């Protein structure tokens, strides 16, 4: 289970939280098997950067492949229920007004990366809290593929997180720059965001 009180405390003090062995191994294995099936059937698409009209592929920035979770399987529903419970908890603890959760399967082939960035879009800051959940069993340190958390833009590195199954990282979307380093093997995870409703006037805020 995800302890919303501990996570809220960490977000207030440092802007990020991480714990290992949070997601049960059986759920990780089923989600990874589903991701592998989507990969084999060509359902994963090359990821891009930006949102809406500004969305574009930029292989010099990121080179992973993605597919949005849609709740179509029991494993996805179980995972999304855990995330919704956390959403409710964070709203209770921090009054963030988190409205919904969006998430995507992510596959980083060997050598793939995502340069240092933030996940809150300029002019449309609806993403408030990031969550990354790792699915690879028995990930060795020498395989690389770490998530690097930075203190600020151009700031010092504060943590490297190995993408081992069951590890979960939570951080503030606007505040925490982060980077995905290349790995020597296929790297599988779920990247998600808690969002607020940023609809204004005639502009409807939609997911990518």
Protein backbone atom coordinates (compact mmCIF):
# COMPACT_ATOMS: atom_id res chain seq x y z
CA UNK A 1 0.00 0.00 0.00
CA UNK A 2 0.99 3.60 -0.54
CA UNK A 3 1.10 5.65 2.69
CA UNK A 4 -0.42 9.00 1.65
CA UNK A 5 0.62 10.65 4.93
CA UNK A 6 4.30 9.72 4.52
CA UNK A 7 4.23 10.70 0.85
CA UNK A 8 2.58 14.04 1.62
CA UNK A 9 5.20 14.79 4.29
CA UNK A 10 8.01 14.03 1.82
CA UNK A 11 6.46 16.17 -0.93
CA UNK A 12 6.28 19.09 1.51
CA UNK A 13 9.88 18.75 2.69
CA UNK A 14 11.87 17.65 -0.37
CA UNK A 15 9.38 17.52 -3.25
CA UNK A 16 9.84 13.79 -3.82
CA UNK A 17 9.42 10.35 -2.22
CA UNK A 18 10.67 6.87 -3.09
CA UNK A 19 10.20 3.39 -1.65
CA UNK A 20 11.10 -0.11 -2.79
CA UNK A 21 8.86 -3.19 -2.80
CA UNK A 22 5.68 -1.11 -2.66
CA UNK A 23 3.74 -2.87 -5.39
CA UNK A 24 3.25 -6.60 -4.82
CA UNK A 25 5.35 -8.85 -7.10
CA UNK A 26 2.34 -10.63 -8.56
CA UNK A 27 0.74 -7.39 -9.77
CA UNK A 28 4.07 -6.18 -11.20
CA UNK A 29 4.47 -9.45 -13.11
CA UNK A 30 0.97 -9.30 -14.61
CA UNK A 31 1.36 -5.65 -15.61
CA UNK A 32 4.73 -6.35 -17.21
CA UNK A 33 3.26 -9.32 -19.10
CA UNK A 34 0.53 -7.05 -20.41
CA UNK A 35 3.09 -4.45 -21.47
CA UNK A 36 5.11 -7.15 -23.24
CA UNK A 37 1.97 -8.25 -25.09
CA UNK A 38 1.28 -4.69 -26.19
CA UNK A 39 4.89 -4.44 -27.34
CA UNK A 40 4.66 -7.67 -29.34
CA UNK A 41 1.42 -6.62 -31.04
CA UNK A 42 2.71 -3.17 -32.02
CA UNK A 43 0.46 -1.24 -29.63
CA UNK A 44 3.34 0.85 -28.26
CA UNK A 45 4.00 4.14 -30.01
CA UNK A 46 7.07 6.36 -30.12
CA UNK A 47 6.73 8.92 -27.33
CA UNK A 48 6.84 12.66 -27.91
CA UNK A 49 7.19 15.88 -25.97
CA UNK A 50 4.77 18.74 -25.49
CA UNK A 51 1.01 18.71 -25.49
CA UNK A 52 -1.83 19.43 -27.86
CA UNK A 53 -0.71 21.41 -30.93
CA UNK A 54 2.85 21.54 -29.52
CA UNK A 55 3.16 17.74 -29.29
CA UNK A 56 6.00 16.34 -31.41
CA UNK A 57 8.50 13.52 -31.51
CA UNK A 58 12.04 14.55 -30.59
CA UNK A 59 14.38 11.57 -30.48
CA UNK A 60 17.29 13.66 -29.18
CA UNK A 61 15.24 14.30 -26.02
CA UNK A 62 13.43 11.02 -25.44
CA UNK A 63 13.43 7.64 -27.19
CA UNK A 64 10.97 5.49 -25.26
CA UNK A 65 7.73 3.91 -26.48
CA UNK A 66 4.38 4.23 -24.72
CA UNK A 67 0.74 3.15 -24.55
CA UNK A 68 -1.92 4.72 -22.34
CA UNK A 69 -3.52 2.61 -19.63
CA UNK A 70 -7.26 2.35 -20.30
CA UNK A 71 -8.47 0.13 -17.46
CA UNK A 72 -9.30 -2.70 -19.86
CA UNK A 73 -7.76 -5.48 -17.73
CA UNK A 74 -8.15 -6.60 -14.13
CA UNK A 75 -4.49 -5.76 -13.41
CA UNK A 76 -4.88 -2.24 -14.75
CA UNK A 77 -8.04 -1.77 -12.71
CA UNK A 78 -6.25 -2.93 -9.56
CA UNK A 79 -3.35 -0.56 -10.21
CA UNK A 80 -5.64 2.37 -11.01
CA UNK A 81 -7.63 1.71 -7.83
CA UNK A 82 -4.42 1.97 -5.79
CA UNK A 83 -3.61 5.25 -7.49
CA UNK A 84 -7.10 6.61 -6.87
CA UNK A 85 -6.79 5.78 -3.18
CA UNK A 86 -3.53 7.74 -3.13
CA UNK A 87 -5.19 10.64 -4.97
CA UNK A 88 -7.86 10.81 -2.28
CA UNK A 89 -5.21 10.62 0.45
CA UNK A 90 -3.06 13.39 -1.02
CA UNK A 91 -6.11 15.61 -1.43
CA UNK A 92 -6.98 15.00 2.21
CA UNK A 93 -3.43 15.68 3.43
CA UNK A 94 -2.45 18.57 1.14
CA UNK A 95 -5.73 19.89 -0.35
CA UNK A 96 -4.23 19.70 -3.85
CA UNK A 97 -7.54 19.38 -5.70
CA UNK A 98 -6.26 16.40 -7.71
CA UNK A 99 -8.98 15.62 -10.22
CA UNK A 100 -7.85 12.52 -12.10
CA UNK A 101 -4.96 10.16 -12.79
CA UNK A 102 -3.51 9.43 -16.22
CA UNK A 103 -0.86 6.80 -16.84
CA UNK A 104 1.06 5.10 -19.62
CA UNK A 105 3.06 1.93 -20.02
CA UNK A 106 6.62 2.86 -20.95
CA UNK A 107 9.26 0.73 -22.66
CA UNK A 108 12.84 1.93 -22.91
CA UNK A 109 14.74 -0.36 -25.31
CA UNK A 110 18.48 -0.81 -24.65
CA UNK A 111 20.17 2.58 -25.10
CA UNK A 112 16.93 4.60 -24.86
CA UNK A 113 16.78 7.65 -22.59
CA UNK A 114 14.87 10.76 -21.59
CA UNK A 115 16.95 13.89 -21.03
CA UNK A 116 16.52 16.06 -17.94
CA UNK A 117 13.06 17.66 -17.93
CA UNK A 118 9.99 18.55 -15.91
CA UNK A 119 6.58 17.04 -16.64
CA UNK A 120 4.43 20.13 -16.12
CA UNK A 121 3.69 21.91 -19.40
CA UNK A 122 4.15 25.67 -19.69
CA UNK A 123 0.79 27.39 -19.99
CA UNK A 124 -1.11 24.21 -19.09
CA UNK A 125 0.20 23.16 -15.67
CA UNK A 126 -2.50 20.55 -15.02
CA UNK A 127 -0.01 17.84 -14.04
CA UNK A 128 0.74 18.31 -10.35
CA UNK A 129 2.23 15.05 -9.03
CA UNK A 130 4.24 12.43 -10.95
CA UNK A 131 4.25 8.73 -10.08
CA UNK A 132 6.64 6.19 -11.60
CA UNK A 133 6.18 2.47 -10.94
CA UNK A 134 8.83 -0.03 -12.04
CA UNK A 135 8.04 -3.52 -13.33
CA UNK A 136 11.39 -5.27 -14.13
CA UNK A 137 12.22 -8.17 -11.82
CA UNK A 138 15.83 -8.77 -10.71
CA UNK A 139 17.25 -5.54 -12.17
CA UNK A 140 21.05 -5.50 -11.66
CA UNK A 141 22.79 -2.24 -10.81
CA UNK A 142 25.19 -2.66 -13.73
CA UNK A 143 22.27 -2.57 -16.22
CA UNK A 144 21.83 1.20 -15.69
CA UNK A 145 18.49 2.77 -16.60
CA UNK A 146 18.26 4.78 -13.39
CA UNK A 147 15.82 7.61 -12.79
CA UNK A 148 17.90 10.62 -11.73
CA UNK A 149 16.22 13.17 -9.46
CA UNK A 150 17.67 16.69 -9.42
CA UNK A 151 17.37 19.45 -6.83
CA UNK A 152 16.43 22.04 -9.47
CA UNK A 153 17.13 23.21 -13.01
CA UNK A 154 20.89 22.80 -13.42
CA UNK A 155 20.97 21.70 -9.78
CA UNK A 156 22.78 18.86 -8.12
CA UNK A 157 21.78 15.25 -8.43
CA UNK A 158 20.01 14.14 -5.25
CA UNK A 159 19.02 10.53 -6.01
CA UNK A 160 19.42 7.71 -8.52
CA UNK A 161 16.66 5.10 -8.51
CA UNK A 162 17.19 1.65 -10.01
CA UNK A 163 14.13 0.53 -12.02
CA UNK A 164 13.48 -2.60 -9.95
CA UNK A 165 10.01 -4.17 -9.79
CA UNK A 166 7.80 -2.75 -7.04
CA UNK A 167 9.76 0.49 -6.61
CA UNK A 168 7.56 3.60 -6.70
CA UNK A 169 8.71 7.22 -7.00
CA UNK A 170 6.41 10.20 -6.39
CA UNK A 171 7.41 13.82 -7.00
CA UNK A 172 6.04 17.28 -7.72
CA UNK A 173 5.70 17.80 -11.47
CA UNK A 174 6.61 21.50 -11.59
CA UNK A 175 9.35 21.41 -8.96
CA UNK A 176 11.46 18.31 -9.66
CA UNK A 177 13.60 17.93 -12.81
CA UNK A 178 14.42 14.32 -13.59
CA UNK A 179 16.12 12.18 -16.21
CA UNK A 180 16.07 8.56 -17.39
CA UNK A 181 19.53 7.16 -18.12
CA UNK A 182 20.19 4.58 -20.87
CA UNK A 183 20.07 0.91 -19.87
CA UNK A 184 21.70 -2.19 -21.34
CA UNK A 185 18.43 -4.13 -21.33
CA UNK A 186 14.71 -3.50 -21.89
CA UNK A 187 13.26 -1.34 -19.15
CA UNK A 188 9.53 -1.45 -18.32
CA UNK A 189 7.52 0.89 -16.11
CA UNK A 190 4.32 2.86 -15.67
CA UNK A 191 4.57 6.64 -15.72
CA UNK A 192 1.59 8.48 -14.29
CA UNK A 193 0.37 11.93 -13.31
CA UNK A 194 -2.21 13.27 -10.92
CA UNK A 195 -3.90 16.21 -12.60
CA UNK A 196 -6.06 19.13 -11.62
CA UNK A 197 -8.87 20.32 -13.86
CA UNK A 198 -7.27 23.16 -15.81
CA UNK A 199 -10.33 23.94 -17.95
CA UNK A 200 -10.63 27.71 -18.41
CA UNK A 201 -13.20 29.62 -20.40
CA UNK A 202 -13.78 27.92 -23.74
CA UNK A 203 -10.63 25.80 -23.42
CA UNK A 204 -11.21 22.18 -22.42
CA UNK A 205 -8.19 20.56 -20.80
CA UNK A 206 -7.80 17.05 -22.22
CA UNK A 207 -5.20 14.32 -21.90
CA UNK A 208 -2.66 13.88 -24.70
